[in-house]
Amino acid sequence: MALAMAVGALATAPAGTAGAEPDRTVPVRIVELERDPGFNWGDAGIGAAGAIALAAIGTGGVVAARSRASDR
């Protein structure tokens, strides 16, 4: 019963549109282009700070391991 009602609802035209031309619209695609700003110094600074932090952590680990080994 529900299927018959759904098919009937789809088959009938909405009120007020009988005999009217269907709306023929053409989809429009809007493309936005970004200009390349060039080198990003902020990102480079963040990467350099991360590299320095990793080097400092590694150096601290080596120093701690050597001092612990010499205490034995």
PDB file of N, CA and C in Angstrom:
ATOM      1  N   MET A   1       0.820  -1.178   0.000  1.00  0.00           N
ATOM      2  CA  MET A   1       0.000   0.000   0.000  1.00  0.00           C
ATOM      3  C   MET A   1       0.874   1.255   0.000  1.00  0.00           C
ATOM      4  N   ALA A   2       1.918   1.264   0.843  1.00  0.00           N
ATOM      5  CA  ALA A   2       2.806   2.424   0.908  1.00  0.00           C
ATOM      6  C   ALA A   2       3.544   2.608  -0.398  1.00  0.00           C
ATOM      7  N   LEU A   3       3.933   1.517  -1.040  1.00  0.00           N
ATOM      8  CA  LEU A   3       4.634   1.610  -2.314  1.00  0.00           C
ATOM      9  C   LEU A   3       3.726   2.216  -3.370  1.00  0.00           C
ATOM     10  N   ALA A   4       2.470   1.821  -3.394  1.00  0.00           N
ATOM     11  CA  ALA A   4       1.525   2.364  -4.368  1.00  0.00           C
ATOM     12  C   ALA A   4       1.307   3.849  -4.137  1.00  0.00           C
ATOM     13  N   MET A   5       1.267   4.285  -2.882  1.00  0.00           N
ATOM     14  CA  MET A   5       1.092   5.706  -2.583  1.00  0.00           C
ATOM     15  C   MET A   5       2.319   6.504  -2.991  1.00  0.00           C
ATOM     16  N   ALA A   6       3.504   5.947  -2.774  1.00  0.00           N
ATOM     17  CA  ALA A   6       4.730   6.644  -3.143  1.00  0.00           C
ATOM     18  C   ALA A   6       4.829   6.796  -4.652  1.00  0.00           C
ATOM     19  N   VAL A   7       4.506   5.744  -5.399  1.00  0.00           N
ATOM     20  CA  VAL A   7       4.551   5.812  -6.858  1.00  0.00           C
ATOM     21  C   VAL A   7       3.513   6.799  -7.364  1.00  0.00           C
ATOM     22  N   GLY A   8       2.324   6.805  -6.772  1.00  0.00           N
ATOM     23  CA  GLY A   8       1.284   7.741  -7.177  1.00  0.00           C
ATOM     24  C   GLY A   8       1.666   9.180  -6.890  1.00  0.00           C
ATOM     25  N   ALA A   9       2.343   9.420  -5.770  1.00  0.00           N
ATOM     26  CA  ALA A   9       2.765  10.777  -5.429  1.00  0.00           C
ATOM     27  C   ALA A   9       3.840  11.265  -6.385  1.00  0.00           C
ATOM     28  N   LEU A  10       4.715  10.386  -6.809  1.00  0.00           N
ATOM     29  CA  LEU A  10       5.765  10.786  -7.740  1.00  0.00           C
ATOM     30  C   LEU A  10       5.224  10.981  -9.154  1.00  0.00           C
ATOM     31  N   ALA A  11       4.185  10.258  -9.512  1.00  0.00           N
ATOM     32  CA  ALA A  11       3.663  10.322 -10.867  1.00  0.00           C
ATOM     33  C   ALA A  11       2.817  11.560 -11.101  1.00  0.00           C
ATOM     34  N   THR A  12       2.200  12.114 -10.066  1.00  0.00           N
ATOM     35  CA  THR A  12       1.337  13.277 -10.253  1.00  0.00           C
ATOM     36  C   THR A  12       2.157  14.544 -10.172  1.00  0.00           C
ATOM     37  N   ALA A  13       1.765  15.535 -10.968  1.00  0.00           N
ATOM     38  CA  ALA A  13       2.464  16.816 -10.974  1.00  0.00           C
ATOM     39  C   ALA A  13       1.983  17.646  -9.798  1.00  0.00           C
ATOM     40  N   PRO A  14       2.852  18.464  -9.211  1.00  0.00           N
ATOM     41  CA  PRO A  14       2.436  19.335  -8.119  1.00  0.00           C
ATOM     42  C   PRO A  14       1.373  20.325  -8.591  1.00  0.00           C
ATOM     43  N   ALA A  15       0.545  20.790  -7.675  1.00  0.00           N
ATOM     44  CA  ALA A  15      -0.537  21.709  -8.018  1.00  0.00           C
ATOM     45  C   ALA A  15       0.030  22.995  -8.602  1.00  0.00           C
ATOM     46  N   GLY A  16      -0.576  23.477  -9.651  1.00  0.00           N
ATOM     47  CA  GLY A  16      -0.176  24.741 -10.259  1.00  0.00           C
ATOM     48  C   GLY A  16       0.891  24.603 -11.320  1.00  0.00           C
ATOM     49  N   THR A  17       1.410  23.421 -11.558  1.00  0.00           N
ATOM     50  CA  THR A  17       2.467  23.271 -12.560  1.00  0.00           C
ATOM     51  C   THR A  17       1.992  22.479 -13.763  1.00  0.00           C
ATOM     52  N   ALA A  18       0.732  22.105 -13.795  1.00  0.00           N
ATOM     53  CA  ALA A  18       0.236  21.325 -14.926  1.00  0.00           C
ATOM     54  C   ALA A  18       0.302  22.168 -16.195  1.00  0.00           C
ATOM     55  N   GLY A  19       0.944  21.674 -17.219  1.00  0.00           N
ATOM     56  CA  GLY A  19       1.058  22.367 -18.494  1.00  0.00           C
ATOM     57  C   GLY A  19       2.176  23.397 -18.541  1.00  0.00           C
ATOM     58  N   ALA A  20       2.888  23.621 -17.444  1.00  0.00           N
ATOM     59  CA  ALA A  20       3.971  24.599 -17.429  1.00  0.00           C
ATOM     60  C   ALA A  20       5.248  23.962 -17.968  1.00  0.00           C
ATOM     61  N   GLU A  21       6.113  24.782 -18.516  1.00  0.00           N
ATOM     62  CA  GLU A  21       7.409  24.314 -18.998  1.00  0.00           C
ATOM     63  C   GLU A  21       8.262  23.921 -17.792  1.00  0.00           C
ATOM     64  N   PRO A  22       8.973  22.829 -17.898  1.00  0.00           N
ATOM     65  CA  PRO A  22       9.869  22.469 -16.787  1.00  0.00           C
ATOM     66  C   PRO A  22      11.004  23.493 -16.689  1.00  0.00           C
ATOM     67  N   ASP A  23      11.477  23.682 -15.482  1.00  0.00           N
ATOM     68  CA  ASP A  23      12.571  24.622 -15.237  1.00  0.00           C
ATOM     69  C   ASP A  23      13.854  24.023 -15.785  1.00  0.00           C
ATOM     70  N   ARG A  24      14.419  24.670 -16.765  1.00  0.00           N
ATOM     71  CA  ARG A  24      15.650  24.166 -17.385  1.00  0.00           C
ATOM     72  C   ARG A  24      16.820  25.060 -16.955  1.00  0.00           C
ATOM     73  N   THR A  25      17.441  24.664 -15.886  1.00  0.00           N
ATOM     74  CA  THR A  25      18.600  25.398 -15.405  1.00  0.00           C
ATOM     75  C   THR A  25      19.855  24.611 -15.722  1.00  0.00           C
ATOM     76  N   VAL A  26      20.896  25.331 -15.961  1.00  0.00           N
ATOM     77  CA  VAL A  26      22.186  24.722 -16.257  1.00  0.00           C
ATOM     78  C   VAL A  26      23.057  24.872 -15.011  1.00  0.00           C
ATOM     79  N   PRO A  27      23.598  23.772 -14.505  1.00  0.00           N
ATOM     80  CA  PRO A  27      24.455  23.905 -13.329  1.00  0.00           C
ATOM     81  C   PRO A  27      25.721  24.699 -13.667  1.00  0.00           C
ATOM     82  N   VAL A  28      26.121  25.530 -12.742  1.00  0.00           N
ATOM     83  CA  VAL A  28      27.292  26.384 -12.939  1.00  0.00           C
ATOM     84  C   VAL A  28      28.354  25.957 -11.934  1.00  0.00           C
ATOM     85  N   ARG A  29      29.550  25.777 -12.399  1.00  0.00           N
ATOM     86  CA  ARG A  29      30.670  25.437 -11.523  1.00  0.00           C
ATOM     87  C   ARG A  29      31.523  26.688 -11.332  1.00  0.00           C
ATOM     88  N   ILE A  30      31.707  27.074 -10.100  1.00  0.00           N
ATOM     89  CA  ILE A  30      32.533  28.230  -9.779  1.00  0.00           C
ATOM     90  C   ILE A  30      33.881  27.720  -9.314  1.00  0.00           C
ATOM     91  N   VAL A  31      34.931  28.161  -9.957  1.00  0.00           N
ATOM     92  CA  VAL A  31      36.285  27.732  -9.629  1.00  0.00           C
ATOM     93  C   VAL A  31      37.041  28.934  -9.089  1.00  0.00           C
ATOM     94  N   GLU A  32      37.558  28.789  -7.888  1.00  0.00           N
ATOM     95  CA  GLU A  32      38.354  29.854  -7.297  1.00  0.00           C
ATOM     96  C   GLU A  32      39.824  29.453  -7.346  1.00  0.00           C
ATOM     97  N   LEU A  33      40.645  30.341  -7.846  1.00  0.00           N
ATOM     98  CA  LEU A  33      42.079  30.079  -7.950  1.00  0.00           C
ATOM     99  C   LEU A  33      42.809  30.918  -6.923  1.00  0.00           C
ATOM    100  N   GLU A  34      43.771  30.301  -6.263  1.00  0.00           N
ATOM    101  CA  GLU A  34      44.594  31.031  -5.315  1.00  0.00           C
ATOM    102  C   GLU A  34      45.967  31.251  -5.929  1.00  0.00           C
ATOM    103  N   ARG A  35      46.464  32.447  -5.742  1.00  0.00           N
ATOM    104  CA  ARG A  35      47.803  32.744  -6.223  1.00  0.00           C
ATOM    105  C   ARG A  35      48.806  32.176  -5.229  1.00  0.00           C
ATOM    106  N   ASP A  36      49.863  31.555  -5.730  1.00  0.00           N
ATOM    107  CA  ASP A  36      50.885  30.977  -4.868  1.00  0.00           C
ATOM    108  C   ASP A  36      51.611  32.104  -4.140  1.00  0.00           C
ATOM    109  N   PRO A  37      51.537  32.139  -2.801  1.00  0.00           N
ATOM    110  CA  PRO A  37      52.172  33.237  -2.071  1.00  0.00           C
ATOM    111  C   PRO A  37      53.690  33.113  -1.990  1.00  0.00           C
ATOM    112  N   GLY A  38      54.257  32.018  -2.437  1.00  0.00           N
ATOM    113  CA  GLY A  38      55.698  31.835  -2.373  1.00  0.00           C
ATOM    114  C   GLY A  38      56.109  31.070  -1.130  1.00  0.00           C
ATOM    115  N   PHE A  39      57.315  31.296  -0.688  1.00  0.00           N
ATOM    116  CA  PHE A  39      57.858  30.576   0.456  1.00  0.00           C
ATOM    117  C   PHE A  39      57.185  31.049   1.728  1.00  0.00           C
ATOM    118  N   ASN A  40      56.781  30.123   2.577  1.00  0.00           N
ATOM    119  CA  ASN A  40      56.107  30.456   3.826  1.00  0.00           C
ATOM    120  C   ASN A  40      57.116  30.376   4.965  1.00  0.00           C
ATOM    121  N   TRP A  41      57.543  31.547   5.426  1.00  0.00           N
ATOM    122  CA  TRP A  41      58.571  31.605   6.459  1.00  0.00           C
ATOM    123  C   TRP A  41      58.058  31.118   7.806  1.00  0.00           C
ATOM    124  N   GLY A  42      56.770  31.276   8.058  1.00  0.00           N
ATOM    125  CA  GLY A  42      56.211  30.799   9.322  1.00  0.00           C
ATOM    126  C   GLY A  42      56.294  29.284   9.439  1.00  0.00           C
ATOM    127  N   ASP A  43      55.938  28.585   8.374  1.00  0.00           N
ATOM    128  CA  ASP A  43      56.033  27.129   8.378  1.00  0.00           C
ATOM    129  C   ASP A  43      57.486  26.669   8.477  1.00  0.00           C
ATOM    130  N   ALA A  44      58.379  27.391   7.832  1.00  0.00           N
ATOM    131  CA  ALA A  44      59.798  27.043   7.903  1.00  0.00           C
ATOM    132  C   ALA A  44      60.325  27.215   9.331  1.00  0.00           C
ATOM    133  N   GLY A  45      59.874  28.256  10.015  1.00  0.00           N
ATOM    134  CA  GLY A  45      60.293  28.484  11.400  1.00  0.00           C
ATOM    135  C   GLY A  45      59.792  27.389  12.334  1.00  0.00           C
ATOM    136  N   ILE A  46      58.551  26.958  12.112  1.00  0.00           N
ATOM    137  CA  ILE A  46      57.999  25.878  12.936  1.00  0.00           C
ATOM    138  C   ILE A  46      58.783  24.588  12.706  1.00  0.00           C
ATOM    139  N   GLY A  47      59.119  24.304  11.469  1.00  0.00           N
ATOM    140  CA  GLY A  47      59.897  23.103  11.169  1.00  0.00           C
ATOM    141  C   GLY A  47      61.291  23.161  11.760  1.00  0.00           C
ATOM    142  N   ALA A  48      61.924  24.334  11.686  1.00  0.00           N
ATOM    143  CA  ALA A  48      63.269  24.482  12.251  1.00  0.00           C
ATOM    144  C   ALA A  48      63.235  24.329  13.774  1.00  0.00           C
ATOM    145  N   ALA A  49      62.227  24.903  14.410  1.00  0.00           N
ATOM    146  CA  ALA A  49      62.110  24.778  15.869  1.00  0.00           C
ATOM    147  C   ALA A  49      61.894  23.321  16.265  1.00  0.00           C
ATOM    148  N   GLY A  50      61.099  22.595  15.490  1.00  0.00           N
ATOM    149  CA  GLY A  50      60.894  21.173  15.771  1.00  0.00           C
ATOM    150  C   GLY A  50      62.174  20.378  15.626  1.00  0.00           C
ATOM    151  N   ALA A  51      62.955  20.687  14.600  1.00  0.00           N
ATOM    152  CA  ALA A  51      64.224  19.987  14.387  1.00  0.00           C
ATOM    153  C   ALA A  51      65.206  20.268  15.519  1.00  0.00           C
ATOM    154  N   ILE A  52      65.255  21.517  15.961  1.00  0.00           N
ATOM    155  CA  ILE A  52      66.157  21.876  17.073  1.00  0.00           C
ATOM    156  C   ILE A  52      65.718  21.176  18.352  1.00  0.00           C
ATOM    157  N   ALA A  53      64.400  21.108  18.579  1.00  0.00           N
ATOM    158  CA  ALA A  53      63.894  20.431  19.782  1.00  0.00           C
ATOM    159  C   ALA A  53      64.248  18.951  19.760  1.00  0.00           C
ATOM    160  N   LEU A  54      64.084  18.303  18.608  1.00  0.00           N
ATOM    161  CA  LEU A  54      64.446  16.882  18.512  1.00  0.00           C
ATOM    162  C   LEU A  54      65.941  16.673  18.723  1.00  0.00           C
ATOM    163  N   ALA A  55      66.756  17.567  18.185  1.00  0.00           N
ATOM    164  CA  ALA A  55      68.198  17.447  18.381  1.00  0.00           C
ATOM    165  C   ALA A  55      68.561  17.627  19.855  1.00  0.00           C
ATOM    166  N   ALA A  56      67.900  18.567  20.529  1.00  0.00           N
ATOM    167  CA  ALA A  56      68.187  18.796  21.949  1.00  0.00           C
ATOM    168  C   ALA A  56      67.761  17.594  22.792  1.00  0.00           C
ATOM    169  N   ILE A  57      66.611  17.018  22.466  1.00  0.00           N
ATOM    170  CA  ILE A  57      66.148  15.832  23.203  1.00  0.00           C
ATOM    171  C   ILE A  57      67.108  14.665  22.979  1.00  0.00           C
ATOM    172  N   GLY A  58      67.558  14.483  21.754  1.00  0.00           N
ATOM    173  CA  GLY A  58      68.511  13.411  21.457  1.00  0.00           C
ATOM    174  C   GLY A  58      69.834  13.611  22.159  1.00  0.00           C
ATOM    175  N   THR A  59      70.326  14.834  22.146  1.00  0.00           N
ATOM    176  CA  THR A  59      71.590  15.136  22.823  1.00  0.00           C
ATOM    177  C   THR A  59      71.455  14.919  24.330  1.00  0.00           C
ATOM    178  N   GLY A  60      70.334  15.342  24.890  1.00  0.00           N
ATOM    179  CA  GLY A  60      70.103  15.129  26.325  1.00  0.00           C
ATOM    180  C   GLY A  60      70.042  13.648  26.660  1.00  0.00           C
ATOM    181  N   GLY A  61      69.449  12.857  25.791  1.00  0.00           N
ATOM    182  CA  GLY A  61      69.399  11.414  26.020  1.00  0.00           C
ATOM    183  C   GLY A  61      70.770  10.782  25.994  1.00  0.00           C
ATOM    184  N   VAL A  62      71.604  11.213  25.057  1.00  0.00           N
ATOM    185  CA  VAL A  62      72.966  10.670  24.963  1.00  0.00           C
ATOM    186  C   VAL A  62      73.775  11.064  26.197  1.00  0.00           C
ATOM    187  N   VAL A  63      73.676  12.307  26.612  1.00  0.00           N
ATOM    188  CA  VAL A  63      74.416  12.760  27.799  1.00  0.00           C
ATOM    189  C   VAL A  63      73.945  12.004  29.040  1.00  0.00           C
ATOM    190  N   ALA A  64      72.643  11.799  29.174  1.00  0.00           N
ATOM    191  CA  ALA A  64      72.126  11.075  30.346  1.00  0.00           C
ATOM    192  C   ALA A  64      72.579   9.621  30.328  1.00  0.00           C
ATOM    193  N   ALA A  65      72.595   8.998  29.156  1.00  0.00           N
ATOM    194  CA  ALA A  65      73.026   7.611  29.060  1.00  0.00           C
ATOM    195  C   ALA A  65      74.501   7.470  29.398  1.00  0.00           C
ATOM    196  N   ARG A  66      75.317   8.396  28.951  1.00  0.00           N
ATOM    197  CA  ARG A  66      76.758   8.324  29.232  1.00  0.00           C
ATOM    198  C   ARG A  66      77.043   8.561  30.718  1.00  0.00           C
ATOM    199  N   SER A  67      76.319   9.497  31.301  1.00  0.00           N
ATOM    200  CA  SER A  67      76.586   9.760  32.732  1.00  0.00           C
ATOM    201  C   SER A  67      76.113   8.588  33.586  1.00  0.00           C
ATOM    202  N   ARG A  68      75.051   7.938  33.171  1.00  0.00           N
ATOM    203  CA  ARG A  68      74.557   6.770  33.906  1.00  0.00           C
ATOM    204  C   ARG A  68      75.532   5.614  33.753  1.00  0.00           C
ATOM    205  N   ALA A  69      76.117   5.453  32.553  1.00  0.00           N
ATOM    206  CA  ALA A  69      77.071   4.372  32.323  1.00  0.00           C
ATOM    207  C   ALA A  69      78.360   4.589  33.103  1.00  0.00           C
ATOM    208  N   SER A  70      78.761   5.847  33.273  1.00  0.00           N
ATOM    209  CA  SER A  70      79.994   6.119  34.005  1.00  0.00           C
ATOM    210  C   SER A  70      79.809   5.985  35.513  1.00  0.00           C
ATOM    211  N   ASP A  71      78.545   6.040  35.990  1.00  0.00           N
ATOM    212  CA  ASP A  71      78.257   5.881  37.422  1.00  0.00           C
ATOM    213  C   ASP A  71      78.349   4.417  37.854  1.00  0.00           C
ATOM    214  N   ARG A  72      78.302   3.493  36.955  1.00  0.00           N
ATOM    215  CA  ARG A  72      78.336   2.061  37.310  1.00  0.00           C
ATOM    216  C   ARG A  72      79.664   1.639  37.687  1.00  0.00           C
TER     217      ARG A  72
END
